Amino acid sequence: MKKLLLVLFLCIFIFSSCSLFSKESRVAVKKDMNKEEKTVTMVFSMNKLDPEKIEINLNDSVIFFNEDDQIHQVVIGDQGGIPLQRGQSWTYKFESSGEFDVYDVLDKKVRGKVVVR
């Protein structure tokens, strides 16, 4: 039981330290057949999304990560993710271009925007 708690604490510490890095460090690039696909992380922190607005390319993915104590549930247009406890994430791949409003269905004051080129 103590080992499980220690592992859980370490996982939470590692994930929560992600917010200490700059926005650029939250971008992972995967090369696939001469095509770059990018993954960007938007973090629920202090009851807001960080960053609040991002610009990505078509077929890039966004990871929504919760480091708040309260539960958040992402909605993108009519697409909704699962409720996220602290330390959990949900990934969404943007397969159409446009501007997408992002909000937390459980706290509609928490909002963001994803611009897909």
C-alpha atoms as a PDB file:
ATOM      1  CA  MET A   1       0.000   0.000   0.000  1.00  0.00           C
ATOM      2  CA  LYS A   2       2.845   2.377   0.853  1.00  0.00           C
ATOM      3  CA  LYS A   3       4.524   1.603  -2.474  1.00  0.00           C
ATOM      4  CA  LEU A   4       1.300   2.320  -4.348  1.00  0.00           C
ATOM      5  CA  LEU A   5       0.901   5.654  -2.581  1.00  0.00           C
ATOM      6  CA  LEU A   6       4.525   6.537  -3.307  1.00  0.00           C
ATOM      7  CA  VAL A   7       4.103   5.707  -7.008  1.00  0.00           C
ATOM      8  CA  LEU A   8       0.868   7.713  -7.137  1.00  0.00           C
ATOM      9  CA  PHE A   9       2.548  10.688  -5.439  1.00  0.00           C
ATOM     10  CA  LEU A  10       5.470  10.545  -7.873  1.00  0.00           C
ATOM     11  CA  CYS A  11       3.122  10.424 -10.875  1.00  0.00           C
ATOM     12  CA  ILE A  12       1.174  13.425  -9.617  1.00  0.00           C
ATOM     13  CA  PHE A  13       4.414  15.307  -8.914  1.00  0.00           C
ATOM     14  CA  ILE A  14       5.791  14.582 -12.384  1.00  0.00           C
ATOM     15  CA  PHE A  15       2.580  15.599 -14.151  1.00  0.00           C
ATOM     16  CA  SER A  16       2.108  18.715 -12.040  1.00  0.00           C
ATOM     17  CA  SER A  17       5.663  19.825 -12.752  1.00  0.00           C
ATOM     18  CA  CYS A  18       4.738  19.972 -16.456  1.00  0.00           C
ATOM     19  CA  SER A  19       3.063  23.326 -15.817  1.00  0.00           C
ATOM     20  CA  LEU A  20       6.391  24.755 -14.695  1.00  0.00           C
ATOM     21  CA  PHE A  21       7.741  24.540 -18.225  1.00  0.00           C
ATOM     22  CA  SER A  22       7.093  27.057 -20.970  1.00  0.00           C
ATOM     23  CA  LYS A  23       4.285  26.568 -23.470  1.00  0.00           C
ATOM     24  CA  GLU A  24       6.825  25.507 -26.101  1.00  0.00           C
ATOM     25  CA  SER A  25       7.905  22.569 -23.940  1.00  0.00           C
ATOM     26  CA  ARG A  26       4.353  21.206 -24.096  1.00  0.00           C
ATOM     27  CA  VAL A  27       4.654  20.519 -27.817  1.00  0.00           C
ATOM     28  CA  ALA A  28       5.674  17.085 -29.076  1.00  0.00           C
ATOM     29  CA  VAL A  29       6.343  16.519 -32.761  1.00  0.00           C
ATOM     30  CA  LYS A  30       5.934  13.115 -34.385  1.00  0.00           C
ATOM     31  CA  LYS A  31       7.237  12.578 -37.910  1.00  0.00           C
ATOM     32  CA  ASP A  32       5.103  10.241 -39.984  1.00  0.00           C
ATOM     33  CA  MET A  33       5.872   9.641 -43.664  1.00  0.00           C
ATOM     34  CA  ASN A  34       7.382  13.140 -44.186  1.00  0.00           C
ATOM     35  CA  LYS A  35       4.400  14.709 -42.437  1.00  0.00           C
ATOM     36  CA  GLU A  36       4.708  16.332 -39.045  1.00  0.00           C
ATOM     37  CA  GLU A  37       1.944  15.799 -36.542  1.00  0.00           C
ATOM     38  CA  LYS A  38       2.069  17.903 -33.440  1.00  0.00           C
ATOM     39  CA  THR A  39       0.615  17.257 -30.020  1.00  0.00           C
ATOM     40  CA  VAL A  40      -0.030  20.264 -27.791  1.00  0.00           C
ATOM     41  CA  THR A  41      -1.112  20.164 -24.149  1.00  0.00           C
ATOM     42  CA  MET A  42      -3.714  22.459 -22.609  1.00  0.00           C
ATOM     43  CA  VAL A  43      -3.671  22.214 -18.817  1.00  0.00           C
ATOM     44  CA  PHE A  44      -6.509  22.788 -16.383  1.00  0.00           C
ATOM     45  CA  SER A  45      -4.763  24.756 -13.648  1.00  0.00           C
ATOM     46  CA  MET A  46      -6.216  27.144 -11.074  1.00  0.00           C
ATOM     47  CA  ASN A  47      -9.673  26.835 -12.708  1.00  0.00           C
ATOM     48  CA  LYS A  48      -8.551  27.980 -16.159  1.00  0.00           C
ATOM     49  CA  LEU A  49      -6.981  26.498 -19.282  1.00  0.00           C
ATOM     50  CA  ASP A  50      -3.301  27.195 -19.890  1.00  0.00           C
ATOM     51  CA  PRO A  51      -2.734  28.319 -22.556  1.00  0.00           C
ATOM     52  CA  GLU A  52      -6.188  29.742 -23.199  1.00  0.00           C
ATOM     53  CA  LYS A  53      -5.683  29.837 -26.989  1.00  0.00           C
ATOM     54  CA  ILE A  54      -3.560  27.687 -29.275  1.00  0.00           C
ATOM     55  CA  GLU A  55      -3.016  27.438 -33.024  1.00  0.00           C
ATOM     56  CA  ILE A  56      -2.350  24.049 -34.571  1.00  0.00           C
ATOM     57  CA  ASN A  57      -2.377  22.390 -37.977  1.00  0.00           C
ATOM     58  CA  LEU A  58      -4.941  19.994 -39.380  1.00  0.00           C
ATOM     59  CA  ASN A  59      -4.600  16.474 -37.857  1.00  0.00           C
ATOM     60  CA  ASP A  60      -2.666  17.735 -34.837  1.00  0.00           C
ATOM     61  CA  SER A  61      -3.811  16.557 -31.412  1.00  0.00           C
ATOM     62  CA  VAL A  62      -4.447  18.363 -28.156  1.00  0.00           C
ATOM     63  CA  ILE A  63      -4.013  16.715 -24.782  1.00  0.00           C
ATOM     64  CA  PHE A  64      -6.255  18.183 -22.092  1.00  0.00           C
ATOM     65  CA  PHE A  65      -4.598  17.522 -18.736  1.00  0.00           C
ATOM     66  CA  ASN A  66      -6.162  18.240 -15.339  1.00  0.00           C
ATOM     67  CA  GLU A  67      -3.845  19.380 -12.563  1.00  0.00           C
ATOM     68  CA  ASP A  68      -6.662  21.000 -10.553  1.00  0.00           C
ATOM     69  CA  ASP A  69      -8.241  19.416  -7.492  1.00  0.00           C
ATOM     70  CA  GLN A  70     -11.698  19.723  -9.047  1.00  0.00           C
ATOM     71  CA  ILE A  71     -13.042  17.543 -11.867  1.00  0.00           C
ATOM     72  CA  HIS A  72     -13.099  19.051 -15.381  1.00  0.00           C
ATOM     73  CA  GLN A  73     -14.823  17.784 -18.539  1.00  0.00           C
ATOM     74  CA  VAL A  74     -13.764  19.215 -21.901  1.00  0.00           C
ATOM     75  CA  VAL A  75     -16.307  19.997 -24.613  1.00  0.00           C
ATOM     76  CA  ILE A  76     -15.179  20.932 -28.135  1.00  0.00           C
ATOM     77  CA  GLY A  77     -18.159  21.988 -30.216  1.00  0.00           C
ATOM     78  CA  ASP A  78     -20.468  18.988 -29.794  1.00  0.00           C
ATOM     79  CA  GLN A  79     -17.626  16.594 -28.881  1.00  0.00           C
ATOM     80  CA  GLY A  80     -17.166  15.952 -25.200  1.00  0.00           C
ATOM     81  CA  GLY A  81     -14.543  14.078 -23.294  1.00  0.00           C
ATOM     82  CA  ILE A  82     -14.776  12.109 -20.110  1.00  0.00           C
ATOM     83  CA  PRO A  83     -14.681  13.746 -16.667  1.00  0.00           C
ATOM     84  CA  LEU A  84     -11.032  14.220 -15.711  1.00  0.00           C
ATOM     85  CA  GLN A  85      -9.863  13.787 -12.146  1.00  0.00           C
ATOM     86  CA  ARG A  86      -6.607  15.421 -11.045  1.00  0.00           C
ATOM     87  CA  GLY A  87      -3.738  13.806 -12.960  1.00  0.00           C
ATOM     88  CA  GLN A  88      -5.900  12.474 -15.809  1.00  0.00           C
ATOM     89  CA  SER A  89      -5.888  13.544 -19.457  1.00  0.00           C
ATOM     90  CA  TRP A  90      -7.963  13.256 -22.624  1.00  0.00           C
ATOM     91  CA  THR A  91      -6.608  13.580 -26.169  1.00  0.00           C
ATOM     92  CA  TYR A  92      -8.531  14.956 -29.143  1.00  0.00           C
ATOM     93  CA  LYS A  93      -7.300  14.892 -32.755  1.00  0.00           C
ATOM     94  CA  PHE A  94      -8.534  17.832 -34.869  1.00  0.00           C
ATOM     95  CA  GLU A  95      -9.481  16.479 -38.295  1.00  0.00           C
ATOM     96  CA  SER A  96     -11.146  19.623 -39.647  1.00  0.00           C
ATOM     97  CA  SER A  97      -9.961  23.215 -39.800  1.00  0.00           C
ATOM     98  CA  GLY A  98     -11.624  26.182 -38.129  1.00  0.00           C
ATOM     99  CA  GLU A  99     -11.909  27.884 -34.759  1.00  0.00           C
ATOM    100  CA  PHE A 100     -13.118  25.671 -31.943  1.00  0.00           C
ATOM    101  CA  ASP A 101     -14.415  26.945 -28.620  1.00  0.00           C
ATOM    102  CA  VAL A 102     -13.340  24.725 -25.759  1.00  0.00           C
ATOM    103  CA  TYR A 103     -15.046  24.784 -22.386  1.00  0.00           C
ATOM    104  CA  ASP A 104     -15.513  22.781 -19.237  1.00  0.00           C
ATOM    105  CA  VAL A 105     -19.079  21.469 -19.097  1.00  0.00           C
ATOM    106  CA  LEU A 106     -18.817  21.298 -15.295  1.00  0.00           C
ATOM    107  CA  ASP A 107     -17.611  24.927 -14.963  1.00  0.00           C
ATOM    108  CA  LYS A 108     -18.535  26.959 -18.052  1.00  0.00           C
ATOM    109  CA  LYS A 109     -16.332  29.872 -16.919  1.00  0.00           C
ATOM    110  CA  VAL A 110     -13.318  27.734 -17.847  1.00  0.00           C
ATOM    111  CA  ARG A 111     -12.906  28.411 -21.572  1.00  0.00           C
ATOM    112  CA  GLY A 112     -10.334  28.264 -24.318  1.00  0.00           C
ATOM    113  CA  LYS A 113      -9.961  28.283 -28.068  1.00  0.00           C
ATOM    114  CA  VAL A 114      -8.210  26.034 -30.585  1.00  0.00           C
ATOM    115  CA  VAL A 115      -7.515  27.443 -34.054  1.00  0.00           C
ATOM    116  CA  VAL A 116      -6.856  24.730 -36.649  1.00  0.00           C
ATOM    117  CA  ARG A 117      -5.202  25.840 -39.902  1.00  0.00           C
END
